[in-house]
Amino acid sequence: RFILLRKEFTDRGQQAKNSPGQAKNILI
């Protein structure tokens, strides 16, 4: 309940992620 999220995240709002079936974009 008290997770620290930066404003750039909370401004977007929580959104459902659509699965592409096969992941192609990887963030490191």
PDB file of all heavy atoms in Angstrom:
ATOM      1  N   ARG A   1       0.836  -1.216   0.000  1.00  0.00           N
ATOM      2  CA  ARG A   1       0.000   0.000   0.000  1.00  0.00           C
ATOM      3  C   ARG A   1       0.860   1.252   0.000  1.00  0.00           C
ATOM      4  O   ARG A   1       0.422   2.322  -0.420  1.00  0.00           O
ATOM      5  CB  ARG A   1      -0.890   0.038   1.250  1.00  0.00           C
ATOM      6  CG  ARG A   1      -2.109  -0.859   1.231  1.00  0.00           C
ATOM      7  CD  ARG A   1      -2.880  -0.682   2.525  1.00  0.00           C
ATOM      8  NE  ARG A   1      -3.267   0.711   2.753  1.00  0.00           N
ATOM      9  CZ  ARG A   1      -3.411   1.254   3.959  1.00  0.00           C
ATOM     10  NH1 ARG A   1      -3.197   0.526   5.047  1.00  0.00           N
ATOM     11  NH2 ARG A   1      -3.790   2.503   4.082  1.00  0.00           N
ATOM     12  N   PHE A   2       2.088   1.127   0.488  1.00  0.00           N
ATOM     13  CA  PHE A   2       2.960   2.290   0.677  1.00  0.00           C
ATOM     14  C   PHE A   2       4.141   2.298  -0.295  1.00  0.00           C
ATOM     15  O   PHE A   2       5.154   2.935  -0.039  1.00  0.00           O
ATOM     16  CB  PHE A   2       3.459   2.318   2.123  1.00  0.00           C
ATOM     17  CG  PHE A   2       2.350   2.379   3.119  1.00  0.00           C
ATOM     18  CD1 PHE A   2       1.945   1.238   3.793  1.00  0.00           C
ATOM     19  CD2 PHE A   2       1.678   3.561   3.368  1.00  0.00           C
ATOM     20  CE1 PHE A   2       0.901   1.273   4.710  1.00  0.00           C
ATOM     21  CE2 PHE A   2       0.633   3.606   4.283  1.00  0.00           C
ATOM     22  CZ  PHE A   2       0.242   2.469   4.955  1.00  0.00           C
ATOM     23  N   ILE A   3       4.001   1.596  -1.405  1.00  0.00           N
ATOM     24  CA  ILE A   3       5.099   1.540  -2.371  1.00  0.00           C
ATOM     25  C   ILE A   3       5.424   2.932  -2.896  1.00  0.00           C
ATOM     26  O   ILE A   3       4.538   3.735  -3.195  1.00  0.00           O
ATOM     27  CB  ILE A   3       4.745   0.572  -3.522  1.00  0.00           C
ATOM     28  CG1 ILE A   3       4.995  -0.856  -3.047  1.00  0.00           C
ATOM     29  CG2 ILE A   3       5.522   0.892  -4.775  1.00  0.00           C
ATOM     30  CD1 ILE A   3       5.004  -1.896  -4.094  1.00  0.00           C
ATOM     31  N   LEU A   4       6.724   3.201  -2.994  1.00  0.00           N
ATOM     32  CA  LEU A   4       7.209   4.503  -3.447  1.00  0.00           C
ATOM     33  C   LEU A   4       7.359   4.488  -4.965  1.00  0.00           C
ATOM     34  O   LEU A   4       8.276   3.876  -5.504  1.00  0.00           O
ATOM     35  CB  LEU A   4       8.565   4.806  -2.788  1.00  0.00           C
ATOM     36  CG  LEU A   4       8.542   4.840  -1.263  1.00  0.00           C
ATOM     37  CD1 LEU A   4       9.958   4.852  -0.704  1.00  0.00           C
ATOM     38  CD2 LEU A   4       7.769   6.047  -0.769  1.00  0.00           C
ATOM     39  N   LEU A   5       6.429   5.140  -5.639  1.00  0.00           N
ATOM     40  CA  LEU A   5       6.474   5.239  -7.091  1.00  0.00           C
ATOM     41  C   LEU A   5       6.656   6.687  -7.503  1.00  0.00           C
ATOM     42  O   LEU A   5       5.993   7.580  -6.973  1.00  0.00           O
ATOM     43  CB  LEU A   5       5.172   4.710  -7.712  1.00  0.00           C
ATOM     44  CG  LEU A   5       4.961   3.195  -7.689  1.00  0.00           C
ATOM     45  CD1 LEU A   5       3.557   2.864  -8.163  1.00  0.00           C
ATOM     46  CD2 LEU A   5       5.991   2.488  -8.560  1.00  0.00           C
ATOM     47  N   ARG A   6       7.550   6.887  -8.454  1.00  0.00           N
ATOM     48  CA  ARG A   6       7.766   8.242  -8.945  1.00  0.00           C
ATOM     49  C   ARG A   6       6.547   8.743  -9.715  1.00  0.00           C
ATOM     50  O   ARG A   6       5.754   7.955 -10.241  1.00  0.00           O
ATOM     51  CB  ARG A   6       9.006   8.265  -9.841  1.00  0.00           C
ATOM     52  CG  ARG A   6      10.299   8.097  -9.064  1.00  0.00           C
ATOM     53  CD  ARG A   6      11.485   7.992  -9.987  1.00  0.00           C
ATOM     54  NE  ARG A   6      11.525   6.691 -10.645  1.00  0.00           N
ATOM     55  CZ  ARG A   6      12.386   6.373 -11.604  1.00  0.00           C
ATOM     56  NH1 ARG A   6      13.236   7.271 -12.036  1.00  0.00           N
ATOM     57  NH2 ARG A   6      12.386   5.169 -12.135  1.00  0.00           N
ATOM     58  N   LYS A   7       6.457  10.040  -9.820  1.00  0.00           N
ATOM     59  CA  LYS A   7       5.291  10.672 -10.428  1.00  0.00           C
ATOM     60  C   LYS A   7       5.108  10.243 -11.879  1.00  0.00           C
ATOM     61  O   LYS A   7       3.984  10.165 -12.375  1.00  0.00           O
ATOM     62  CB  LYS A   7       5.424  12.199 -10.333  1.00  0.00           C
ATOM     63  CG  LYS A   7       4.154  12.976 -10.628  1.00  0.00           C
ATOM     64  CD  LYS A   7       4.341  14.447 -10.281  1.00  0.00           C
ATOM     65  CE  LYS A   7       3.033  15.218 -10.474  1.00  0.00           C
ATOM     66  NZ  LYS A   7       2.615  15.298 -11.872  1.00  0.00           N
ATOM     67  N   GLU A   8       6.209   9.947 -12.585  1.00  0.00           N
ATOM     68  CA  GLU A   8       6.096   9.538 -13.983  1.00  0.00           C
ATOM     69  C   GLU A   8       5.285   8.246 -14.124  1.00  0.00           C
ATOM     70  O   GLU A   8       4.670   8.010 -15.163  1.00  0.00           O
ATOM     71  CB  GLU A   8       7.469   9.358 -14.624  1.00  0.00           C
ATOM     72  CG  GLU A   8       8.309   8.248 -14.024  1.00  0.00           C
ATOM     73  CD  GLU A   8       9.626   8.059 -14.768  1.00  0.00           C
ATOM     74  OE1 GLU A   8       9.601   7.665 -15.948  1.00  0.00           O
ATOM     75  OE2 GLU A   8      10.679   8.324 -14.165  1.00  0.00           O
ATOM     76  N   PHE A   9       5.270   7.431 -13.063  1.00  0.00           N
ATOM     77  CA  PHE A   9       4.484   6.199 -13.095  1.00  0.00           C
ATOM     78  C   PHE A   9       3.035   6.462 -12.695  1.00  0.00           C
ATOM     79  O   PHE A   9       2.107   6.013 -13.362  1.00  0.00           O
ATOM     80  CB  PHE A   9       5.111   5.147 -12.185  1.00  0.00           C
ATOM     81  CG  PHE A   9       6.423   4.630 -12.688  1.00  0.00           C
ATOM     82  CD1 PHE A   9       7.612   5.183 -12.250  1.00  0.00           C
ATOM     83  CD2 PHE A   9       6.479   3.615 -13.624  1.00  0.00           C
ATOM     84  CE1 PHE A   9       8.830   4.733 -12.721  1.00  0.00           C
ATOM     85  CE2 PHE A   9       7.687   3.153 -14.110  1.00  0.00           C
ATOM     86  CZ  PHE A   9       8.869   3.717 -13.660  1.00  0.00           C
ATOM     87  N   THR A  10       2.851   7.164 -11.594  1.00  0.00           N
ATOM     88  CA  THR A  10       1.485   7.388 -11.120  1.00  0.00           C
ATOM     89  C   THR A  10       0.696   8.268 -12.080  1.00  0.00           C
ATOM     90  O   THR A  10      -0.527   8.138 -12.179  1.00  0.00           O
ATOM     91  CB  THR A  10       1.497   8.018  -9.715  1.00  0.00           C
ATOM     92  OG1 THR A  10       2.272   9.226  -9.734  1.00  0.00           O
ATOM     93  CG2 THR A  10       2.112   7.066  -8.708  1.00  0.00           C
ATOM     94  N   ASP A  11       1.359   9.161 -12.808  1.00  0.00           N
ATOM     95  CA  ASP A  11       0.663   9.983 -13.795  1.00  0.00           C
ATOM     96  C   ASP A  11       0.095   9.146 -14.934  1.00  0.00           C
ATOM     97  O   ASP A  11      -0.931   9.491 -15.525  1.00  0.00           O
ATOM     98  CB  ASP A  11       1.609  11.043 -14.380  1.00  0.00           C
ATOM     99  CG  ASP A  11       1.788  12.233 -13.447  1.00  0.00           C
ATOM    100  OD1 ASP A  11       1.051  12.317 -12.446  1.00  0.00           O
ATOM    101  OD2 ASP A  11       2.666  13.077 -13.721  1.00  0.00           O
ATOM    102  N   ARG A  12       0.770   8.042 -15.251  1.00  0.00           N
ATOM    103  CA  ARG A  12       0.301   7.163 -16.323  1.00  0.00           C
ATOM    104  C   ARG A  12      -0.894   6.328 -15.887  1.00  0.00           C
ATOM    105  O   ARG A  12      -1.727   5.943 -16.703  1.00  0.00           O
ATOM    106  CB  ARG A  12       1.417   6.215 -16.771  1.00  0.00           C
ATOM    107  CG  ARG A  12       2.611   6.879 -17.413  1.00  0.00           C
ATOM    108  CD  ARG A  12       3.636   5.833 -17.794  1.00  0.00           C
ATOM    109  NE  ARG A  12       3.154   5.033 -18.925  1.00  0.00           N
ATOM    110  CZ  ARG A  12       3.449   5.294 -20.190  1.00  0.00           C
ATOM    111  NH1 ARG A  12       4.196   6.337 -20.501  1.00  0.00           N
ATOM    112  NH2 ARG A  12       2.997   4.520 -21.154  1.00  0.00           N
ATOM    113  N   GLY A  13      -0.950   6.009 -14.586  1.00  0.00           N
ATOM    114  CA  GLY A  13      -1.965   5.095 -14.103  1.00  0.00           C
ATOM    115  C   GLY A  13      -1.567   3.666 -14.400  1.00  0.00           C
ATOM    116  O   GLY A  13      -0.775   3.388 -15.310  1.00  0.00           O
ATOM    117  N   GLN A  14      -2.095   2.743 -13.620  1.00  0.00           N
ATOM    118  CA  GLN A  14      -1.764   1.329 -13.806  1.00  0.00           C
ATOM    119  C   GLN A  14      -2.546   0.791 -14.992  1.00  0.00           C
ATOM    120  O   GLN A  14      -3.765   0.931 -15.079  1.00  0.00           O
ATOM    121  CB  GLN A  14      -2.095   0.540 -12.544  1.00  0.00           C
ATOM    122  CG  GLN A  14      -1.402  -0.801 -12.481  1.00  0.00           C
ATOM    123  CD  GLN A  14      -1.445  -1.386 -11.084  1.00  0.00           C
ATOM    124  OE1 GLN A  14      -2.191  -0.924 -10.238  1.00  0.00           O
ATOM    125  NE2 GLN A  14      -0.647  -2.400 -10.832  1.00  0.00           N
ATOM    126  N   GLN A  15      -1.831   0.153 -15.923  1.00  0.00           N
ATOM    127  CA  GLN A  15      -2.450  -0.310 -17.155  1.00  0.00           C
ATOM    128  C   GLN A  15      -2.186  -1.793 -17.329  1.00  0.00           C
ATOM    129  O   GLN A  15      -1.115  -2.291 -16.996  1.00  0.00           O
ATOM    130  CB  GLN A  15      -1.891   0.473 -18.353  1.00  0.00           C
ATOM    131  CG  GLN A  15      -2.120   1.977 -18.260  1.00  0.00           C
ATOM    132  CD  GLN A  15      -1.346   2.747 -19.313  1.00  0.00           C
ATOM    133  OE1 GLN A  15      -0.646   2.173 -20.125  1.00  0.00           O
ATOM    134  NE2 GLN A  15      -1.483   4.060 -19.287  1.00  0.00           N
ATOM    135  N   ALA A  16      -3.179  -2.494 -17.887  1.00  0.00           N
ATOM    136  CA  ALA A  16      -3.008  -3.914 -18.168  1.00  0.00           C
ATOM    137  C   ALA A  16      -2.033  -4.069 -19.327  1.00  0.00           C
ATOM    138  O   ALA A  16      -2.090  -3.324 -20.310  1.00  0.00           O
ATOM    139  CB  ALA A  16      -4.350  -4.546 -18.513  1.00  0.00           C
ATOM    140  N   LYS A  17      -1.141  -5.024 -19.216  1.00  0.00           N
ATOM    141  CA  LYS A  17      -0.145  -5.271 -20.248  1.00  0.00           C
ATOM    142  C   LYS A  17      -0.651  -6.365 -21.168  1.00  0.00           C
ATOM    143  O   LYS A  17      -1.036  -7.435 -20.728  1.00  0.00           O
ATOM    144  CB  LYS A  17       1.166  -5.705 -19.593  1.00  0.00           C
ATOM    145  CG  LYS A  17       2.359  -5.698 -20.528  1.00  0.00           C
ATOM    146  CD  LYS A  17       2.941  -4.313 -20.635  1.00  0.00           C
ATOM    147  CE  LYS A  17       4.268  -4.357 -21.379  1.00  0.00           C
ATOM    148  NZ  LYS A  17       4.817  -3.014 -21.583  1.00  0.00           N
ATOM    149  N   ASN A  18      -0.682  -6.086 -22.460  1.00  0.00           N
ATOM    150  CA  ASN A  18      -1.093  -7.091 -23.437  1.00  0.00           C
ATOM    151  C   ASN A  18       0.095  -7.970 -23.791  1.00  0.00           C
ATOM    152  O   ASN A  18       1.134  -7.477 -24.236  1.00  0.00           O
ATOM    153  CB  ASN A  18      -1.643  -6.421 -24.701  1.00  0.00           C
ATOM    154  CG  ASN A  18      -2.933  -5.671 -24.433  1.00  0.00           C
ATOM    155  OD1 ASN A  18      -3.772  -6.131 -23.665  1.00  0.00           O
ATOM    156  ND2 ASN A  18      -3.085  -4.512 -25.057  1.00  0.00           N
ATOM    157  N   SER A  19      -0.058  -9.280 -23.598  1.00  0.00           N
ATOM    158  CA  SER A  19       1.033 -10.195 -23.910  1.00  0.00           C
ATOM    159  C   SER A  19       1.188 -10.329 -25.415  1.00  0.00           C
ATOM    160  O   SER A  19       0.214 -10.552 -26.138  1.00  0.00           O
ATOM    161  CB  SER A  19       0.752 -11.577 -23.304  1.00  0.00           C
ATOM    162  OG  SER A  19       1.714 -12.509 -23.767  1.00  0.00           O
ATOM    163  N   PRO A  20       2.431 -10.196 -25.929  1.00  0.00           N
ATOM    164  CA  PRO A  20       2.642 -10.331 -27.367  1.00  0.00           C
ATOM    165  C   PRO A  20       2.713 -11.784 -27.818  1.00  0.00           C
ATOM    166  O   PRO A  20       2.861 -12.053 -29.010  1.00  0.00           O
ATOM    167  CB  PRO A  20       3.994  -9.627 -27.570  1.00  0.00           C
ATOM    168  CG  PRO A  20       4.724  -9.893 -26.289  1.00  0.00           C
ATOM    169  CD  PRO A  20       3.662  -9.869 -25.205  1.00  0.00           C
ATOM    170  N   GLY A  21       2.617 -12.735 -26.868  1.00  0.00           N
ATOM    171  CA  GLY A  21       2.768 -14.147 -27.225  1.00  0.00           C
ATOM    172  C   GLY A  21       4.230 -14.560 -27.176  1.00  0.00           C
ATOM    173  O   GLY A  21       4.587 -15.539 -26.536  1.00  0.00           O
ATOM    174  N   GLN A  22       5.081 -13.797 -27.854  1.00  0.00           N
ATOM    175  CA  GLN A  22       6.522 -14.021 -27.805  1.00  0.00           C
ATOM    176  C   GLN A  22       7.179 -12.677 -27.523  1.00  0.00           C
ATOM    177  O   GLN A  22       7.036 -11.731 -28.295  1.00  0.00           O
ATOM    178  CB  GLN A  22       7.025 -14.565 -29.141  1.00  0.00           C
ATOM    179  CG  GLN A  22       8.515 -14.844 -29.192  1.00  0.00           C
ATOM    180  CD  GLN A  22       8.859 -16.199 -28.603  1.00  0.00           C
ATOM    181  OE1 GLN A  22       8.293 -17.218 -28.979  1.00  0.00           O
ATOM    182  NE2 GLN A  22       9.806 -16.222 -27.679  1.00  0.00           N
ATOM    183  N   ALA A  23       7.875 -12.567 -26.397  1.00  0.00           N
ATOM    184  CA  ALA A  23       8.498 -11.296 -26.033  1.00  0.00           C
ATOM    185  C   ALA A  23       9.596 -10.947 -27.025  1.00  0.00           C
ATOM    186  O   ALA A  23      10.438 -11.776 -27.354  1.00  0.00           O
ATOM    187  CB  ALA A  23       9.066 -11.382 -24.620  1.00  0.00           C
ATOM    188  N   LYS A  24       9.577  -9.705 -27.490  1.00  0.00           N
ATOM    189  CA  LYS A  24      10.585  -9.244 -28.439  1.00  0.00           C
ATOM    190  C   LYS A  24      11.348  -8.029 -27.919  1.00  0.00           C
ATOM    191  O   LYS A  24      12.474  -7.778 -28.341  1.00  0.00           O
ATOM    192  CB  LYS A  24       9.931  -8.900 -29.780  1.00  0.00           C
ATOM    193  CG  LYS A  24       9.257 -10.096 -30.458  1.00  0.00           C
ATOM    194  CD  LYS A  24       8.741  -9.727 -31.829  1.00  0.00           C
ATOM    195  CE  LYS A  24       8.011 -10.896 -32.482  1.00  0.00           C
ATOM    196  NZ  LYS A  24       8.868 -12.084 -32.633  1.00  0.00           N
ATOM    197  N   ASN A  25      10.742  -7.271 -27.019  1.00  0.00           N
ATOM    198  CA  ASN A  25      11.371  -6.062 -26.483  1.00  0.00           C
ATOM    199  C   ASN A  25      11.815  -6.315 -25.046  1.00  0.00           C
ATOM    200  O   ASN A  25      10.982  -6.548 -24.174  1.00  0.00           O
ATOM    201  CB  ASN A  25      10.395  -4.882 -26.524  1.00  0.00           C
ATOM    202  CG  ASN A  25       9.975  -4.540 -27.934  1.00  0.00           C
ATOM    203  OD1 ASN A  25      10.710  -4.768 -28.894  1.00  0.00           O
ATOM    204  ND2 ASN A  25       8.778  -3.987 -28.074  1.00  0.00           N
ATOM    205  N   ILE A  26      13.125  -6.258 -24.811  1.00  0.00           N
ATOM    206  CA  ILE A  26      13.670  -6.592 -23.502  1.00  0.00           C
ATOM    207  C   ILE A  26      14.397  -5.379 -22.933  1.00  0.00           C
ATOM    208  O   ILE A  26      15.277  -4.804 -23.578  1.00  0.00           O
ATOM    209  CB  ILE A  26      14.635  -7.793 -23.578  1.00  0.00           C
ATOM    210  CG1 ILE A  26      13.913  -9.013 -24.169  1.00  0.00           C
ATOM    211  CG2 ILE A  26      15.191  -8.126 -22.190  1.00  0.00           C
ATOM    212  CD1 ILE A  26      14.814 -10.228 -24.343  1.00  0.00           C
ATOM    213  N   LEU A  27      14.028  -5.017 -21.701  1.00  0.00           N
ATOM    214  CA  LEU A  27      14.650  -3.909 -20.989  1.00  0.00           C
ATOM    215  C   LEU A  27      15.623  -4.459 -19.955  1.00  0.00           C
ATOM    216  O   LEU A  27      15.290  -5.399 -19.229  1.00  0.00           O
ATOM    217  CB  LEU A  27      13.566  -3.076 -20.296  1.00  0.00           C
ATOM    218  CG  LEU A  27      14.004  -1.806 -19.586  1.00  0.00           C
ATOM    219  CD1 LEU A  27      14.382  -0.735 -20.600  1.00  0.00           C
ATOM    220  CD2 LEU A  27      12.898  -1.295 -18.666  1.00  0.00           C
ATOM    221  N   ILE A  28      16.828  -3.872 -19.883  1.00  0.00           N
ATOM    222  CA  ILE A  28      17.832  -4.291 -18.901  1.00  0.00           C
ATOM    223  C   ILE A  28      18.189  -3.089 -18.042  1.00  0.00           C
ATOM    224  O   ILE A  28      18.573  -2.039 -18.558  1.00  0.00           O
ATOM    225  CB  ILE A  28      19.106  -4.830 -19.589  1.00  0.00           C
ATOM    226  CG1 ILE A  28      18.755  -5.974 -20.547  1.00  0.00           C
ATOM    227  CG2 ILE A  28      20.118  -5.304 -18.552  1.00  0.00           C
ATOM    228  CD1 ILE A  28      19.937  -6.443 -21.377  1.00  0.00           C
TER     229      ILE A  28
END
